[in-house]
Amino acid sequence: QMHMLSNKSASQNVYTAEELGMQPAKINTPASLSGSQASWTLRVHVGANQDEAIAVNIYSANVANLFAGEGAQAAQAAPVQEGAQEEGAQQPTPATAPTQGGVNSPVNVTTTVDANTSLAKIENAIRMISDQRANLGAFQNRLESIKNSTEYAIENLKASYAQIKDATMTDEVVAATTNSILTQSAMAMIA
């Protein structure tokens, strides 16, 4: 979730980033957010003031994190239907569930109930990925907006500088012309 971090105005005292509870942008490092499931947090300074930053949580999108805990919970909570398996067959548990890439597979389609549960898990994982993409897209749009705003500010600053420089040059030309006229008048009076 993207949010603006701004606690102090420009007229108040200046504080260090640590005093404000902010850290420089760190990528691929564990987040230190309490009560959050973020794998990484990216904070970017965006404003003229020291405390203006935006942050986005970047969640790990692998099977273990997308289905974290759900495989174990589903295996323990799934009801066993009589006659659904051969007699004496072992019911999959988190430890004996089919594995894929070394991770306990959260998807099991051996029974209708398991298939429906697996579909719900897959839908939830797709929703989590879509939400993450939306958050990252909003973060990207915000950064592009800030970049465009900064470019406009630079362009306006350059235009203002050029106008001031032109005005200064005009003042100098007027002063030089005035001095030239006064010098010529003085020479004419002397002659």
N, C-alpha and C. Protein backbone atom coordinates (compact mmCIF):
# COMPACT_ATOMS: atom_id res chain seq x y z
N GLN A 1 0.84 -1.17 0.00
CA GLN A 1 0.00 0.00 0.00
C GLN A 1 0.89 1.24 0.00
N MET A 2 0.59 2.16 -0.90
CA MET A 2 1.40 3.37 -1.03
C MET A 2 0.79 4.46 -0.16
N HIS A 3 1.62 5.21 0.54
CA HIS A 3 1.13 6.33 1.33
C HIS A 3 2.19 7.41 1.40
N MET A 4 1.72 8.64 1.60
CA MET A 4 2.62 9.79 1.71
C MET A 4 3.08 9.90 3.16
N LEU A 5 4.36 10.07 3.36
CA LEU A 5 4.92 10.22 4.70
C LEU A 5 5.33 11.67 4.88
N SER A 6 4.53 12.44 5.58
CA SER A 6 4.87 13.84 5.79
C SER A 6 4.36 14.25 7.17
N ASN A 7 5.28 14.45 8.11
CA ASN A 7 4.89 14.76 9.47
C ASN A 7 5.23 16.18 9.88
N LYS A 8 6.16 16.79 9.23
CA LYS A 8 6.64 18.12 9.63
C LYS A 8 6.49 19.08 8.47
N SER A 9 6.25 20.35 8.77
CA SER A 9 6.19 21.35 7.70
C SER A 9 7.55 22.01 7.57
N ALA A 10 7.72 22.80 6.52
CA ALA A 10 9.02 23.43 6.27
C ALA A 10 9.37 24.45 7.34
N SER A 11 8.37 24.99 8.02
CA SER A 11 8.65 26.03 9.02
C SER A 11 9.10 25.46 10.37
N GLN A 12 8.96 24.15 10.56
CA GLN A 12 9.35 23.55 11.84
C GLN A 12 10.81 23.14 11.81
N ASN A 13 11.29 22.71 12.96
CA ASN A 13 12.68 22.29 13.09
C ASN A 13 13.00 21.14 12.14
N VAL A 14 14.25 21.03 11.78
CA VAL A 14 14.70 19.96 10.90
C VAL A 14 15.16 18.80 11.77
N TYR A 15 14.75 17.59 11.40
CA TYR A 15 15.11 16.39 12.14
C TYR A 15 15.85 15.44 11.21
N THR A 16 16.63 14.56 11.81
CA THR A 16 17.30 13.54 11.00
C THR A 16 16.29 12.48 10.60
N ALA A 17 16.66 11.69 9.60
CA ALA A 17 15.77 10.63 9.13
C ALA A 17 15.49 9.62 10.23
N GLU A 18 16.49 9.32 11.05
CA GLU A 18 16.30 8.37 12.15
C GLU A 18 15.29 8.90 13.16
N GLU A 19 15.34 10.22 13.46
CA GLU A 19 14.40 10.81 14.41
C GLU A 19 12.98 10.75 13.88
N LEU A 20 12.83 10.78 12.57
CA LEU A 20 11.50 10.71 11.97
C LEU A 20 11.05 9.27 11.76
N GLY A 21 11.92 8.32 12.07
CA GLY A 21 11.57 6.92 11.89
C GLY A 21 11.68 6.47 10.44
N MET A 22 12.43 7.20 9.64
CA MET A 22 12.58 6.86 8.23
C MET A 22 13.98 6.31 7.98
N GLN A 23 14.09 5.50 6.95
CA GLN A 23 15.38 4.95 6.57
C GLN A 23 15.59 5.22 5.09
N PRO A 24 16.84 5.30 4.66
CA PRO A 24 17.09 5.45 3.22
C PRO A 24 16.52 4.26 2.46
N ALA A 25 16.27 4.43 1.17
CA ALA A 25 15.73 3.35 0.35
C ALA A 25 16.67 2.15 0.38
N LYS A 26 16.11 1.01 0.72
CA LYS A 26 16.88 -0.23 0.73
C LYS A 26 16.10 -1.24 -0.10
N ILE A 27 16.76 -1.84 -1.05
CA ILE A 27 16.11 -2.81 -1.90
C ILE A 27 16.68 -4.18 -1.57
N ASN A 28 15.81 -5.18 -1.60
CA ASN A 28 16.18 -6.57 -1.30
C ASN A 28 16.70 -6.74 0.12
N THR A 29 16.12 -6.02 1.05
CA THR A 29 16.44 -6.22 2.46
C THR A 29 15.13 -6.44 3.20
N PRO A 30 15.13 -7.23 4.25
CA PRO A 30 13.89 -7.48 4.98
C PRO A 30 13.30 -6.19 5.54
N ALA A 31 11.99 -6.09 5.48
CA ALA A 31 11.32 -4.91 6.01
C ALA A 31 11.28 -4.98 7.52
N SER A 32 11.26 -3.84 8.14
CA SER A 32 11.18 -3.80 9.60
C SER A 32 9.87 -3.15 10.02
N LEU A 33 8.79 -3.55 9.37
CA LEU A 33 7.48 -3.01 9.70
C LEU A 33 6.81 -3.95 10.69
N SER A 34 6.29 -3.40 11.77
CA SER A 34 5.62 -4.25 12.75
C SER A 34 4.23 -4.57 12.25
N GLY A 35 3.84 -5.82 12.36
CA GLY A 35 2.50 -6.24 11.96
C GLY A 35 2.30 -6.27 10.46
N SER A 36 3.35 -6.26 9.68
CA SER A 36 3.22 -6.26 8.23
C SER A 36 3.80 -7.55 7.67
N GLN A 37 3.27 -7.97 6.53
CA GLN A 37 3.78 -9.17 5.88
C GLN A 37 4.68 -8.81 4.71
N ALA A 38 5.13 -7.56 4.64
CA ALA A 38 5.97 -7.13 3.52
C ALA A 38 7.31 -7.84 3.55
N SER A 39 7.77 -8.22 2.37
CA SER A 39 9.09 -8.80 2.28
C SER A 39 10.14 -7.70 2.17
N TRP A 40 9.82 -6.62 1.46
CA TRP A 40 10.71 -5.49 1.32
C TRP A 40 9.89 -4.21 1.37
N THR A 41 10.52 -3.14 1.82
CA THR A 41 9.89 -1.83 1.80
C THR A 41 10.81 -0.89 1.05
N LEU A 42 10.26 -0.18 0.08
CA LEU A 42 11.03 0.79 -0.68
C LEU A 42 10.49 2.17 -0.33
N ARG A 43 11.36 3.02 0.23
CA ARG A 43 11.01 4.39 0.57
C ARG A 43 11.84 5.31 -0.30
N VAL A 44 11.17 6.30 -0.92
CA VAL A 44 11.85 7.23 -1.81
C VAL A 44 11.53 8.65 -1.38
N HIS A 45 12.58 9.47 -1.22
CA HIS A 45 12.41 10.88 -0.89
C HIS A 45 11.88 11.58 -2.14
N VAL A 46 10.77 12.33 -2.01
CA VAL A 46 10.14 12.91 -3.19
C VAL A 46 9.94 14.41 -3.14
N GLY A 47 10.11 15.04 -2.01
CA GLY A 47 9.77 16.46 -1.91
C GLY A 47 10.95 17.34 -1.58
N ALA A 48 10.63 18.63 -1.46
CA ALA A 48 11.65 19.61 -1.13
C ALA A 48 12.02 19.53 0.34
N ASN A 49 11.10 19.11 1.17
CA ASN A 49 11.37 19.00 2.60
C ASN A 49 12.01 17.66 2.93
N GLN A 50 12.70 17.63 4.04
CA GLN A 50 13.44 16.45 4.44
C GLN A 50 12.54 15.25 4.71
N ASP A 51 11.33 15.47 5.19
CA ASP A 51 10.49 14.38 5.62
C ASP A 51 9.44 13.96 4.59
N GLU A 52 9.57 14.35 3.36
CA GLU A 52 8.60 13.98 2.34
C GLU A 52 9.09 12.76 1.57
N ALA A 53 8.41 11.65 1.77
CA ALA A 53 8.80 10.41 1.11
C ALA A 53 7.55 9.59 0.84
N ILE A 54 7.64 8.71 -0.14
CA ILE A 54 6.58 7.74 -0.37
C ILE A 54 7.19 6.36 -0.17
N ALA A 55 6.36 5.43 0.23
CA ALA A 55 6.84 4.08 0.51
C ALA A 55 5.90 3.07 -0.13
N VAL A 56 6.45 1.96 -0.52
CA VAL A 56 5.65 0.86 -1.05
C VAL A 56 6.23 -0.44 -0.49
N ASN A 57 5.33 -1.34 -0.12
CA ASN A 57 5.74 -2.66 0.35
C ASN A 57 5.79 -3.59 -0.85
N ILE A 58 6.86 -4.33 -0.97
CA ILE A 58 7.02 -5.27 -2.08
C ILE A 58 7.03 -6.67 -1.48
N TYR A 59 5.99 -7.42 -1.79
CA TYR A 59 5.83 -8.75 -1.21
C TYR A 59 6.51 -9.80 -2.08
N SER A 60 7.06 -10.79 -1.44
CA SER A 60 7.67 -11.90 -2.16
C SER A 60 6.57 -12.70 -2.84
N ALA A 61 6.76 -13.03 -4.10
CA ALA A 61 5.71 -13.69 -4.87
C ALA A 61 6.12 -15.09 -5.28
N ASN A 62 6.59 -15.87 -4.33
CA ASN A 62 6.88 -17.26 -4.64
C ASN A 62 5.81 -18.15 -4.01
N VAL A 63 5.81 -19.41 -4.36
CA VAL A 63 4.77 -20.33 -3.89
C VAL A 63 4.74 -20.39 -2.37
N ALA A 64 5.90 -20.44 -1.75
CA ALA A 64 5.94 -20.55 -0.29
C ALA A 64 5.28 -19.35 0.39
N ASN A 65 5.47 -18.14 -0.16
CA ASN A 65 4.88 -16.96 0.46
C ASN A 65 3.44 -16.72 0.04
N LEU A 66 3.09 -17.04 -1.21
CA LEU A 66 1.71 -16.84 -1.65
C LEU A 66 0.76 -17.78 -0.92
N PHE A 67 1.21 -18.98 -0.63
CA PHE A 67 0.37 -19.96 0.04
C PHE A 67 0.85 -20.22 1.46
N ALA A 68 1.54 -19.26 2.06
CA ALA A 68 2.15 -19.44 3.39
C ALA A 68 1.11 -19.86 4.41
N GLY A 69 1.34 -21.00 4.99
CA GLY A 69 0.48 -21.47 6.06
C GLY A 69 -0.81 -22.08 5.59
N GLU A 70 -1.23 -21.78 4.35
CA GLU A 70 -2.53 -22.29 3.90
C GLU A 70 -2.50 -23.79 3.66
N GLY A 71 -1.36 -24.30 3.14
CA GLY A 71 -1.28 -25.74 2.88
C GLY A 71 -1.43 -26.54 4.16
N ALA A 72 -0.76 -26.09 5.19
CA ALA A 72 -0.84 -26.80 6.47
C ALA A 72 -2.23 -26.67 7.07
N GLN A 73 -2.82 -25.48 7.00
CA GLN A 73 -4.15 -25.27 7.57
C GLN A 73 -5.19 -26.08 6.81
N ALA A 74 -5.08 -26.09 5.48
CA ALA A 74 -6.07 -26.80 4.68
C ALA A 74 -5.98 -28.30 4.90
N ALA A 75 -4.76 -28.82 5.00
CA ALA A 75 -4.59 -30.26 5.20
C ALA A 75 -5.13 -30.69 6.56
N GLN A 76 -4.99 -29.83 7.56
CA GLN A 76 -5.49 -30.17 8.88
C GLN A 76 -7.00 -29.97 8.96
N ALA A 77 -7.52 -28.98 8.23
CA ALA A 77 -8.93 -28.65 8.34
C ALA A 77 -9.79 -29.38 7.33
N ALA A 78 -9.22 -29.92 6.26
CA ALA A 78 -10.01 -30.55 5.20
C ALA A 78 -10.66 -31.82 5.74
N PRO A 79 -11.97 -31.95 5.53
CA PRO A 79 -12.63 -33.16 6.00
C PRO A 79 -12.27 -34.34 5.09
N VAL A 80 -12.15 -35.50 5.69
CA VAL A 80 -11.85 -36.71 4.93
C VAL A 80 -13.18 -37.35 4.56
N GLN A 81 -13.41 -37.52 3.26
CA GLN A 81 -14.65 -38.14 2.81
C GLN A 81 -14.46 -39.65 2.78
N GLU A 82 -15.43 -40.35 3.33
CA GLU A 82 -15.34 -41.80 3.32
C GLU A 82 -15.57 -42.29 1.90
N GLY A 83 -14.79 -43.25 1.49
CA GLY A 83 -14.93 -43.82 0.16
C GLY A 83 -14.23 -43.02 -0.91
N ALA A 84 -13.66 -41.88 -0.54
CA ALA A 84 -12.98 -41.05 -1.53
C ALA A 84 -11.62 -41.62 -1.88
N GLN A 85 -11.06 -42.41 -0.98
CA GLN A 85 -9.75 -43.00 -1.22
C GLN A 85 -9.84 -44.50 -1.00
N GLU A 86 -8.83 -45.17 -1.48
CA GLU A 86 -8.77 -46.60 -1.22
C GLU A 86 -8.54 -46.81 0.27
N GLU A 87 -9.07 -47.89 0.75
CA GLU A 87 -8.90 -48.18 2.16
C GLU A 87 -7.43 -48.43 2.47
N GLY A 88 -6.94 -47.83 3.53
CA GLY A 88 -5.56 -47.99 3.94
C GLY A 88 -4.62 -46.98 3.29
N ALA A 89 -5.14 -46.16 2.36
CA ALA A 89 -4.28 -45.15 1.73
C ALA A 89 -4.02 -44.04 2.72
N GLN A 90 -2.85 -43.48 2.64
CA GLN A 90 -2.47 -42.44 3.59
C GLN A 90 -3.00 -41.09 3.12
N GLN A 91 -3.64 -40.34 4.03
CA GLN A 91 -4.14 -38.99 3.74
C GLN A 91 -2.95 -38.04 3.68
N PRO A 92 -2.82 -37.19 2.63
CA PRO A 92 -1.69 -36.25 2.58
C PRO A 92 -1.73 -35.28 3.75
N THR A 93 -0.59 -35.04 4.31
CA THR A 93 -0.43 -34.04 5.37
C THR A 93 0.64 -33.07 4.89
N PRO A 94 0.85 -31.97 5.61
CA PRO A 94 1.89 -31.04 5.17
C PRO A 94 3.24 -31.71 4.97
N ALA A 95 3.56 -32.69 5.80
CA ALA A 95 4.86 -33.35 5.68
C ALA A 95 4.89 -34.32 4.50
N THR A 96 3.73 -34.94 4.16
CA THR A 96 3.72 -35.93 3.09
C THR A 96 3.02 -35.43 1.84
N ALA A 97 2.59 -34.19 1.82
CA ALA A 97 1.89 -33.65 0.64
C ALA A 97 2.84 -33.62 -0.54
N PRO A 98 2.27 -33.70 -1.76
CA PRO A 98 3.13 -33.66 -2.94
C PRO A 98 3.97 -32.39 -2.95
N THR A 99 5.22 -32.53 -3.37
CA THR A 99 6.09 -31.36 -3.40
C THR A 99 6.37 -30.95 -4.82
N GLN A 100 6.65 -29.66 -4.96
CA GLN A 100 6.99 -29.11 -6.26
C GLN A 100 8.14 -28.15 -6.03
N GLY A 101 9.31 -28.46 -6.53
CA GLY A 101 10.46 -27.60 -6.32
C GLY A 101 10.91 -27.55 -4.88
N GLY A 102 10.65 -28.60 -4.11
CA GLY A 102 11.09 -28.64 -2.72
C GLY A 102 10.13 -27.96 -1.76
N VAL A 103 9.02 -27.44 -2.25
CA VAL A 103 8.04 -26.76 -1.39
C VAL A 103 6.79 -27.62 -1.35
N ASN A 104 6.19 -27.77 -0.18
CA ASN A 104 4.94 -28.51 -0.11
C ASN A 104 3.93 -27.85 -1.01
N SER A 105 3.35 -28.63 -1.89
CA SER A 105 2.41 -28.09 -2.87
C SER A 105 1.10 -27.74 -2.19
N PRO A 106 0.62 -26.52 -2.34
CA PRO A 106 -0.65 -26.13 -1.75
C PRO A 106 -1.83 -26.57 -2.59
N VAL A 107 -1.56 -27.14 -3.77
CA VAL A 107 -2.63 -27.54 -4.69
C VAL A 107 -2.77 -29.05 -4.66
N ASN A 108 -3.99 -29.49 -4.41
CA ASN A 108 -4.29 -30.91 -4.37
C ASN A 108 -5.63 -31.10 -5.08
N VAL A 109 -5.67 -31.92 -6.10
CA VAL A 109 -6.90 -32.11 -6.87
C VAL A 109 -7.38 -33.56 -6.83
N THR A 110 -7.05 -34.29 -5.78
CA THR A 110 -7.43 -35.70 -5.71
C THR A 110 -8.92 -35.87 -5.44
N THR A 111 -9.54 -34.92 -4.75
CA THR A 111 -10.98 -34.99 -4.50
C THR A 111 -11.61 -33.68 -4.91
N THR A 112 -12.92 -33.68 -5.01
CA THR A 112 -13.64 -32.46 -5.39
C THR A 112 -13.44 -31.36 -4.36
N VAL A 113 -13.48 -31.73 -3.09
CA VAL A 113 -13.29 -30.74 -2.03
C VAL A 113 -11.89 -30.15 -2.11
N ASP A 114 -10.89 -31.01 -2.29
CA ASP A 114 -9.51 -30.53 -2.40
C ASP A 114 -9.33 -29.65 -3.63
N ALA A 115 -9.96 -30.04 -4.74
CA ALA A 115 -9.86 -29.24 -5.97
C ALA A 115 -10.49 -27.87 -5.77
N ASN A 116 -11.66 -27.82 -5.13
CA ASN A 116 -12.30 -26.52 -4.86
C ASN A 116 -11.47 -25.67 -3.92
N THR A 117 -10.89 -26.30 -2.90
CA THR A 117 -10.02 -25.58 -1.98
C THR A 117 -8.79 -25.05 -2.71
N SER A 118 -8.23 -25.87 -3.58
CA SER A 118 -7.06 -25.45 -4.36
C SER A 118 -7.41 -24.29 -5.28
N LEU A 119 -8.59 -24.34 -5.91
CA LEU A 119 -9.01 -23.23 -6.77
C LEU A 119 -9.14 -21.94 -5.97
N ALA A 120 -9.69 -22.03 -4.77
CA ALA A 120 -9.81 -20.84 -3.92
C ALA A 120 -8.43 -20.28 -3.57
N LYS A 121 -7.48 -21.18 -3.29
CA LYS A 121 -6.12 -20.74 -2.99
C LYS A 121 -5.47 -20.07 -4.19
N ILE A 122 -5.67 -20.65 -5.36
CA ILE A 122 -5.10 -20.07 -6.58
C ILE A 122 -5.72 -18.70 -6.86
N GLU A 123 -7.05 -18.60 -6.70
CA GLU A 123 -7.71 -17.30 -6.89
C GLU A 123 -7.17 -16.26 -5.92
N ASN A 124 -6.95 -16.67 -4.67
CA ASN A 124 -6.39 -15.76 -3.67
C ASN A 124 -4.98 -15.33 -4.05
N ALA A 125 -4.17 -16.27 -4.54
CA ALA A 125 -2.80 -15.93 -4.96
C ALA A 125 -2.82 -14.97 -6.14
N ILE A 126 -3.72 -15.20 -7.10
CA ILE A 126 -3.84 -14.29 -8.25
C ILE A 126 -4.27 -12.91 -7.78
N ARG A 127 -5.20 -12.85 -6.83
CA ARG A 127 -5.65 -11.56 -6.30
C ARG A 127 -4.50 -10.84 -5.59
N MET A 128 -3.69 -11.59 -4.84
CA MET A 128 -2.54 -10.98 -4.15
C MET A 128 -1.55 -10.41 -5.16
N ILE A 129 -1.28 -11.16 -6.24
CA ILE A 129 -0.36 -10.67 -7.27
C ILE A 129 -0.95 -9.44 -7.96
N SER A 130 -2.25 -9.47 -8.25
CA SER A 130 -2.90 -8.31 -8.89
C SER A 130 -2.84 -7.08 -8.00
N ASP A 131 -3.08 -7.28 -6.71
CA ASP A 131 -3.00 -6.16 -5.76
C ASP A 131 -1.58 -5.60 -5.71
N GLN A 132 -0.58 -6.49 -5.71
CA GLN A 132 0.81 -6.04 -5.68
C GLN A 132 1.14 -5.26 -6.94
N ARG A 133 0.68 -5.75 -8.09
CA ARG A 133 0.93 -5.05 -9.36
C ARG A 133 0.25 -3.68 -9.35
N ALA A 134 -0.95 -3.60 -8.79
CA ALA A 134 -1.64 -2.32 -8.71
C ALA A 134 -0.88 -1.35 -7.81
N ASN A 135 -0.40 -1.83 -6.67
CA ASN A 135 0.37 -0.97 -5.77
C ASN A 135 1.66 -0.49 -6.42
N LEU A 136 2.36 -1.39 -7.10
CA LEU A 136 3.60 -1.00 -7.77
C LEU A 136 3.32 -0.05 -8.93
N GLY A 137 2.20 -0.27 -9.64
CA GLY A 137 1.82 0.64 -10.72
C GLY A 137 1.50 2.03 -10.20
N ALA A 138 0.78 2.09 -9.08
CA ALA A 138 0.48 3.40 -8.47
C ALA A 138 1.76 4.08 -8.01
N PHE A 139 2.69 3.31 -7.45
CA PHE A 139 3.97 3.85 -7.02
C PHE A 139 4.75 4.39 -8.22
N GLN A 140 4.76 3.64 -9.31
CA GLN A 140 5.44 4.07 -10.53
C GLN A 140 4.81 5.35 -11.07
N ASN A 141 3.47 5.41 -11.08
CA ASN A 141 2.79 6.62 -11.56
C ASN A 141 3.14 7.82 -10.70
N ARG A 142 3.21 7.62 -9.39
CA ARG A 142 3.56 8.71 -8.48
C ARG A 142 4.98 9.19 -8.75
N LEU A 143 5.92 8.26 -8.97
CA LEU A 143 7.29 8.64 -9.27
C LEU A 143 7.38 9.38 -10.61
N GLU A 144 6.62 8.94 -11.61
CA GLU A 144 6.62 9.63 -12.90
C GLU A 144 6.04 11.03 -12.76
N SER A 145 4.99 11.17 -11.95
CA SER A 145 4.40 12.48 -11.70
C SER A 145 5.40 13.41 -11.03
N ILE A 146 6.13 12.89 -10.06
CA ILE A 146 7.15 13.68 -9.36
C ILE A 146 8.26 14.08 -10.33
N LYS A 147 8.66 13.14 -11.19
CA LYS A 147 9.70 13.43 -12.19
C LYS A 147 9.24 14.54 -13.13
N ASN A 148 7.99 14.44 -13.61
CA ASN A 148 7.47 15.48 -14.51
C ASN A 148 7.37 16.82 -13.80
N SER A 149 6.93 16.81 -12.57
CA SER A 149 6.84 18.05 -11.79
C SER A 149 8.21 18.68 -11.61
N THR A 150 9.21 17.85 -11.33
CA THR A 150 10.57 18.35 -11.17
C THR A 150 11.10 18.92 -12.49
N GLU A 151 10.80 18.24 -13.60
CA GLU A 151 11.24 18.75 -14.90
C GLU A 151 10.61 20.11 -15.21
N TYR A 152 9.31 20.26 -14.88
CA TYR A 152 8.64 21.56 -15.09
C TYR A 152 9.27 22.63 -14.21
N ALA A 153 9.59 22.28 -12.97
CA ALA A 153 10.22 23.25 -12.06
C ALA A 153 11.59 23.67 -12.60
N ILE A 154 12.35 22.72 -13.13
CA ILE A 154 13.66 23.05 -13.70
C ILE A 154 13.49 23.97 -14.91
N GLU A 155 12.53 23.65 -15.77
CA GLU A 155 12.29 24.47 -16.96
C GLU A 155 11.87 25.89 -16.56
N ASN A 156 10.98 26.00 -15.58
CA ASN A 156 10.55 27.33 -15.12
C ASN A 156 11.70 28.09 -14.48
N LEU A 157 12.55 27.40 -13.74
CA LEU A 157 13.70 28.05 -13.11
C LEU A 157 14.67 28.57 -14.17
N LYS A 158 14.90 27.77 -15.20
CA LYS A 158 15.78 28.21 -16.29
C LYS A 158 15.19 29.41 -17.02
N ALA A 159 13.87 29.40 -17.25
CA ALA A 159 13.21 30.52 -17.92
C ALA A 159 13.30 31.78 -17.06
N SER A 160 13.10 31.63 -15.76
CA SER A 160 13.21 32.78 -14.86
C SER A 160 14.63 33.32 -14.85
N TYR A 161 15.59 32.44 -14.82
CA TYR A 161 17.00 32.86 -14.85
C TYR A 161 17.31 33.61 -16.14
N ALA A 162 16.79 33.11 -17.26
CA ALA A 162 17.02 33.77 -18.54
C ALA A 162 16.38 35.16 -18.56
N GLN A 163 15.18 35.28 -17.99
CA GLN A 163 14.52 36.59 -17.94
C GLN A 163 15.30 37.55 -17.06
N ILE A 164 15.78 37.06 -15.93
CA ILE A 164 16.57 37.92 -15.03
C ILE A 164 17.87 38.33 -15.73
N LYS A 165 18.49 37.38 -16.40
CA LYS A 165 19.73 37.67 -17.11
C LYS A 165 19.48 38.68 -18.23
N ASP A 166 18.36 38.51 -18.97
CA ASP A 166 18.00 39.46 -20.02
C ASP A 166 17.72 40.84 -19.44
N ALA A 167 17.01 40.88 -18.30
CA ALA A 167 16.71 42.16 -17.67
C ALA A 167 18.00 42.83 -17.20
N THR A 168 18.91 42.06 -16.64
CA THR A 168 20.19 42.61 -16.21
C THR A 168 20.98 43.13 -17.40
N MET A 169 20.95 42.38 -18.49
CA MET A 169 21.65 42.80 -19.71
C MET A 169 21.02 44.08 -20.25
N THR A 170 19.70 44.16 -20.22
CA THR A 170 19.01 45.37 -20.68
C THR A 170 19.39 46.56 -19.82
N ASP A 171 19.44 46.38 -18.51
CA ASP A 171 19.85 47.46 -17.61
C ASP A 171 21.27 47.92 -17.94
N GLU A 172 22.15 46.97 -18.21
CA GLU A 172 23.54 47.32 -18.54
C GLU A 172 23.62 48.07 -19.87
N VAL A 173 22.82 47.65 -20.85
CA VAL A 173 22.81 48.34 -22.15
C VAL A 173 22.29 49.76 -21.99
N VAL A 174 21.22 49.93 -21.19
CA VAL A 174 20.67 51.27 -20.94
C VAL A 174 21.71 52.13 -20.23
N ALA A 175 22.39 51.56 -19.24
CA ALA A 175 23.42 52.32 -18.52
C ALA A 175 24.56 52.69 -19.45
N ALA A 176 24.99 51.78 -20.31
CA ALA A 176 26.07 52.06 -21.26
C ALA A 176 25.66 53.13 -22.26
N THR A 177 24.42 53.06 -22.74
CA THR A 177 23.92 54.06 -23.69
C THR A 177 23.84 55.43 -23.02
N THR A 178 23.35 55.46 -21.79
CA THR A 178 23.26 56.73 -21.05
C THR A 178 24.65 57.32 -20.86
N ASN A 179 25.60 56.50 -20.45
CA ASN A 179 26.98 56.97 -20.27
C ASN A 179 27.56 57.47 -21.59
N SER A 180 27.27 56.80 -22.68
CA SER A 180 27.77 57.21 -24.00
C SER A 180 27.20 58.56 -24.40
N ILE A 181 25.91 58.75 -24.17
CA ILE A 181 25.26 60.03 -24.51
C ILE A 181 25.85 61.14 -23.65
N LEU A 182 26.01 60.88 -22.35
CA LEU A 182 26.57 61.90 -21.46
C LEU A 182 28.01 62.24 -21.86
N THR A 183 28.77 61.23 -22.23
CA THR A 183 30.16 61.46 -22.65
C THR A 183 30.20 62.27 -23.94
N GLN A 184 29.35 61.95 -24.90
CA GLN A 184 29.31 62.69 -26.17
C GLN A 184 28.85 64.13 -25.94
N SER A 185 27.87 64.31 -25.03
CA SER A 185 27.40 65.67 -24.72
C SER A 185 28.52 66.48 -24.07
N ALA A 186 29.24 65.86 -23.16
CA ALA A 186 30.34 66.55 -22.49
C ALA A 186 31.43 66.91 -23.49
N MET A 187 31.74 66.03 -24.43
CA MET A 187 32.75 66.30 -25.45
C MET A 187 32.30 67.44 -26.36
N ALA A 188 31.00 67.47 -26.67
CA ALA A 188 30.49 68.54 -27.54
C ALA A 188 30.56 69.88 -26.84
N MET A 189 30.31 69.91 -25.54
CA MET A 189 30.36 71.17 -24.79
C MET A 189 31.80 71.66 -24.67
N ILE A 190 32.73 70.75 -24.51
CA ILE A 190 34.14 71.12 -24.39
C ILE A 190 34.66 71.64 -25.74
N ALA A 191 34.22 71.08 -26.82
CA ALA A 191 34.71 71.48 -28.13
C ALA A 191 34.06 72.75 -28.49
